Amino acid sequence: MDDELKDLLERCIAEERGAQTRLYRRFAGKVFATALRYSDSGEAAADIAQESWVKVFKNLAKFTEFNSFEGWVRRITVNTAITHYRRNLKHRHHTDVSEALSTPRDFEASKQADFTMGEIQTAMAALPKGYRTVIQLYLVDGFSHKEIAEMLQVDVNTSKSQLSRGRKQLQANLKAMARRALPRSDEKNKG
């Protein structure tokens, strides 16, 4: 941790408003981006981000400089988003683990396609929230199925299944986007 951040954190712990504002401005974009990945809307992401900042400032004295501050804040944000998700979860279901272990047939074809980050984000946003959450936790944030199961309070096999089904749906969404982007043969011949 650099000396500037260390000094800023010490001043935040001493409840200096100016230091708290500087810390917030320094990491607000990253906190909001993480919250947005786990939410259905900008409004929900703003709620998650605000709740995360409350937790950051409340627990700042517990942070140790041997850890990455950015990683610590991200973990708080992810945990807050998971709490938000659980609070809003209406139905839980368990599925067969054999589905989670199967490989999607079109996986190789979809790996070869090039998609922009915007297209991937659009395809992710179209996923059901459960699928999107598990994909984010597993593929983006690197949590294990055991950790995801604990966070979401579901069975490990449910996490695996949600990941498998989410991947299949994401691939289908991306394939549909690719088909829409291809010009039709009769349009190519007109020009």
Protein backbone atom coordinates (compact mmCIF):
# COMPACT_ATOMS: atom_id res chain seq x y z
CA MET A 1 0.00 0.00 0.00
CA ASP A 2 1.39 3.39 -0.92
CA ASP A 3 2.01 6.03 1.75
CA GLU A 4 -0.62 8.38 0.30
CA LEU A 5 -3.40 5.79 0.65
CA LYS A 6 -2.19 4.79 4.09
CA ASP A 7 -2.31 8.43 5.24
CA LEU A 8 -5.73 8.87 3.67
CA LEU A 9 -7.09 5.80 5.47
CA GLU A 10 -5.70 6.99 8.81
CA ARG A 11 -7.41 10.35 8.32
CA CYS A 12 -10.66 8.59 7.40
CA ILE A 13 -10.48 6.52 10.58
CA ALA A 14 -10.08 9.82 12.46
CA GLU A 15 -13.36 10.81 10.72
CA GLU A 16 -11.95 13.71 8.69
CA ARG A 17 -14.74 14.53 6.22
CA GLY A 18 -12.37 15.78 3.52
CA ALA A 19 -10.36 12.54 3.64
CA GLN A 20 -13.54 10.47 3.50
CA THR A 21 -14.67 12.40 0.42
CA ARG A 22 -11.28 11.87 -1.26
CA LEU A 23 -11.37 8.14 -0.50
CA TYR A 24 -14.91 7.88 -1.81
CA ARG A 25 -14.03 9.72 -5.03
CA ARG A 26 -10.95 7.55 -5.52
CA PHE A 27 -12.87 4.24 -5.39
CA ALA A 28 -16.52 5.17 -6.11
CA GLY A 29 -16.37 4.14 -9.77
CA LYS A 30 -14.99 0.71 -8.98
CA VAL A 31 -17.53 0.14 -6.21
CA PHE A 32 -20.40 1.16 -8.47
CA ALA A 33 -19.11 -0.98 -11.36
CA THR A 34 -18.93 -4.03 -9.08
CA ALA A 35 -22.42 -3.32 -7.72
CA LEU A 36 -23.77 -2.88 -11.25
CA ARG A 37 -22.51 -6.33 -12.27
CA TYR A 38 -24.71 -7.86 -9.56
CA SER A 39 -27.84 -5.77 -9.97
CA ASP A 40 -30.79 -5.43 -12.32
CA SER A 41 -30.65 -1.65 -12.62
CA GLY A 42 -28.59 1.42 -11.98
CA GLU A 43 -30.89 2.26 -9.08
CA ALA A 44 -30.28 -1.11 -7.41
CA ALA A 45 -26.53 -0.74 -8.04
CA ALA A 46 -26.58 2.69 -6.41
CA ASP A 47 -28.30 1.20 -3.35
CA ILE A 48 -25.72 -1.58 -3.15
CA ALA A 49 -22.86 0.89 -3.59
CA GLN A 50 -24.23 3.19 -0.89
CA GLU A 51 -24.70 0.30 1.53
CA SER A 52 -21.16 -0.87 0.70
CA TRP A 53 -19.67 2.53 1.48
CA VAL A 54 -21.46 2.61 4.83
CA LYS A 55 -19.85 -0.75 5.64
CA VAL A 56 -16.43 0.38 4.39
CA PHE A 57 -16.40 3.46 6.62
CA LYS A 58 -17.91 1.59 9.57
CA ASN A 59 -15.26 -1.17 9.37
CA LEU A 60 -12.28 0.86 8.17
CA ALA A 61 -10.41 0.45 11.45
CA LYS A 62 -10.52 -3.34 10.94
CA PHE A 63 -8.68 -3.13 7.61
CA THR A 64 -5.06 -4.25 7.79
CA GLU A 65 -2.46 -2.77 5.50
CA PHE A 66 -1.17 -6.23 4.62
CA ASN A 67 -4.19 -6.69 2.35
CA SER A 68 -5.15 -4.89 -0.83
CA PHE A 69 -7.51 -2.05 0.07
CA GLU A 70 -9.16 -2.21 -3.34
CA GLY A 71 -9.69 -5.97 -2.94
CA TRP A 72 -11.10 -5.45 0.56
CA VAL A 73 -13.58 -2.84 -0.71
CA ARG A 74 -14.53 -5.07 -3.66
CA ARG A 75 -15.18 -7.99 -1.31
CA ILE A 76 -17.43 -5.81 0.86
CA THR A 77 -19.30 -4.71 -2.27
CA VAL A 78 -19.74 -8.27 -3.54
CA ASN A 79 -20.94 -9.44 -0.12
CA THR A 80 -23.37 -6.51 0.06
CA ALA A 81 -24.67 -7.36 -3.42
CA ILE A 82 -25.14 -10.99 -2.38
CA THR A 83 -27.04 -9.89 0.72
CA HIS A 84 -29.18 -7.67 -1.50
CA TYR A 85 -29.75 -10.59 -3.88
CA ARG A 86 -30.77 -12.94 -1.04
CA ARG A 87 -33.10 -10.31 0.38
CA ASN A 88 -34.86 -10.10 -2.98
CA LEU A 89 -34.79 -13.80 -3.78
CA LYS A 90 -38.30 -15.14 -3.96
CA HIS A 91 -37.87 -18.67 -5.22
CA ARG A 92 -35.03 -21.10 -4.84
CA HIS A 93 -34.79 -24.41 -6.60
CA HIS A 94 -32.33 -27.25 -6.76
CA THR A 95 -31.38 -28.97 -9.96
CA ASP A 96 -29.60 -32.13 -10.96
CA VAL A 97 -25.79 -31.87 -10.82
CA SER A 98 -25.46 -33.96 -13.99
CA GLU A 99 -26.70 -30.96 -15.96
CA ALA A 100 -23.99 -28.80 -14.43
CA LEU A 101 -21.29 -31.24 -15.44
CA SER A 102 -22.35 -31.53 -19.07
CA THR A 103 -20.49 -29.47 -21.67
CA PRO A 104 -22.55 -27.26 -23.95
CA ARG A 105 -22.43 -28.59 -27.52
CA ASP A 106 -21.78 -25.18 -29.05
CA PHE A 107 -19.03 -24.19 -26.62
CA GLU A 108 -16.20 -24.44 -29.18
CA ALA A 109 -18.13 -22.46 -31.79
CA SER A 110 -19.00 -19.70 -29.35
CA LYS A 111 -15.39 -19.44 -28.13
CA GLN A 112 -14.28 -18.61 -31.67
CA ALA A 113 -16.67 -15.68 -32.07
CA ASP A 114 -15.41 -12.20 -31.24
CA PHE A 115 -17.76 -10.05 -29.19
CA THR A 116 -17.31 -6.57 -27.85
CA MET A 117 -17.48 -5.95 -24.11
CA GLY A 118 -20.76 -4.11 -24.69
CA GLU A 119 -22.26 -7.13 -26.46
CA ILE A 120 -21.18 -9.44 -23.66
CA GLN A 121 -22.62 -7.06 -21.05
CA THR A 122 -25.90 -6.91 -22.98
CA ALA A 123 -26.05 -10.70 -23.20
CA MET A 124 -25.25 -10.97 -19.47
CA ALA A 125 -27.93 -8.43 -18.57
CA ALA A 126 -30.51 -10.55 -20.39
CA LEU A 127 -29.78 -13.57 -18.17
CA PRO A 128 -32.02 -14.45 -15.24
CA LYS A 129 -30.58 -12.90 -12.08
CA GLY A 130 -29.60 -16.25 -10.52
CA TYR A 131 -27.58 -17.29 -13.55
CA ARG A 132 -25.96 -13.86 -13.88
CA THR A 133 -25.01 -13.76 -10.20
CA VAL A 134 -23.34 -17.18 -10.21
CA ILE A 135 -21.50 -16.43 -13.47
CA GLN A 136 -20.22 -13.15 -12.02
CA LEU A 137 -19.12 -14.77 -8.77
CA TYR A 138 -17.48 -17.79 -10.40
CA LEU A 139 -16.01 -16.50 -13.67
CA VAL A 140 -15.41 -12.82 -12.93
CA ASP A 141 -14.66 -12.71 -9.21
CA GLY A 142 -13.11 -16.19 -8.93
CA PHE A 143 -15.15 -17.62 -6.05
CA SER A 144 -15.41 -21.41 -5.73
CA HIS A 145 -18.75 -23.20 -5.91
CA LYS A 146 -18.47 -23.88 -2.19
CA GLU A 147 -18.01 -20.16 -1.45
CA ILE A 148 -20.87 -19.23 -3.79
CA ALA A 149 -23.14 -21.80 -2.16
CA GLU A 150 -22.37 -20.34 1.26
CA MET A 151 -22.93 -16.75 0.09
CA LEU A 152 -26.21 -17.52 -1.66
CA GLN A 153 -27.29 -20.07 0.96
CA VAL A 154 -27.84 -22.79 -1.65
CA ASP A 155 -26.47 -26.26 -2.28
CA VAL A 156 -23.09 -26.53 -4.06
CA ASN A 157 -24.79 -28.49 -6.84
CA THR A 158 -27.24 -25.63 -7.33
CA SER A 159 -24.32 -23.27 -7.86
CA LYS A 160 -22.81 -25.64 -10.42
CA SER A 161 -26.12 -26.04 -12.18
CA GLN A 162 -26.77 -22.29 -12.25
CA LEU A 163 -23.32 -21.78 -13.78
CA SER A 164 -23.90 -24.45 -16.42
CA ARG A 165 -27.35 -23.22 -17.35
CA GLY A 166 -26.17 -19.62 -17.27
CA ARG A 167 -23.30 -20.39 -19.64
CA LYS A 168 -25.68 -22.14 -22.05
CA GLN A 169 -28.09 -19.21 -21.94
CA LEU A 170 -25.26 -16.70 -22.34
CA GLN A 171 -23.98 -18.60 -25.37
CA ALA A 172 -27.49 -18.66 -26.83
CA ASN A 173 -27.84 -14.92 -26.25
CA LEU A 174 -24.49 -14.24 -27.93
CA LYS A 175 -25.33 -16.51 -30.89
CA ALA A 176 -28.64 -14.70 -31.34
CA MET A 177 -26.81 -11.36 -31.31
CA ALA A 178 -24.31 -12.65 -33.87
CA ARG A 179 -27.12 -13.87 -36.15
CA ARG A 180 -28.80 -10.45 -35.96
CA ALA A 181 -25.51 -8.74 -36.81
CA LEU A 182 -24.91 -10.82 -39.96
CA PRO A 183 -26.24 -9.23 -43.17
CA ARG A 184 -28.79 -11.36 -45.00
CA SER A 185 -27.70 -12.76 -48.37
CA ASP A 186 -30.36 -10.75 -50.27
CA GLU A 187 -29.08 -7.52 -48.65
CA LYS A 188 -25.49 -8.30 -49.70
CA ASN A 189 -26.53 -8.75 -53.34
CA LYS A 190 -28.43 -5.43 -53.51
CA GLY A 191 -25.27 -3.28 -53.22
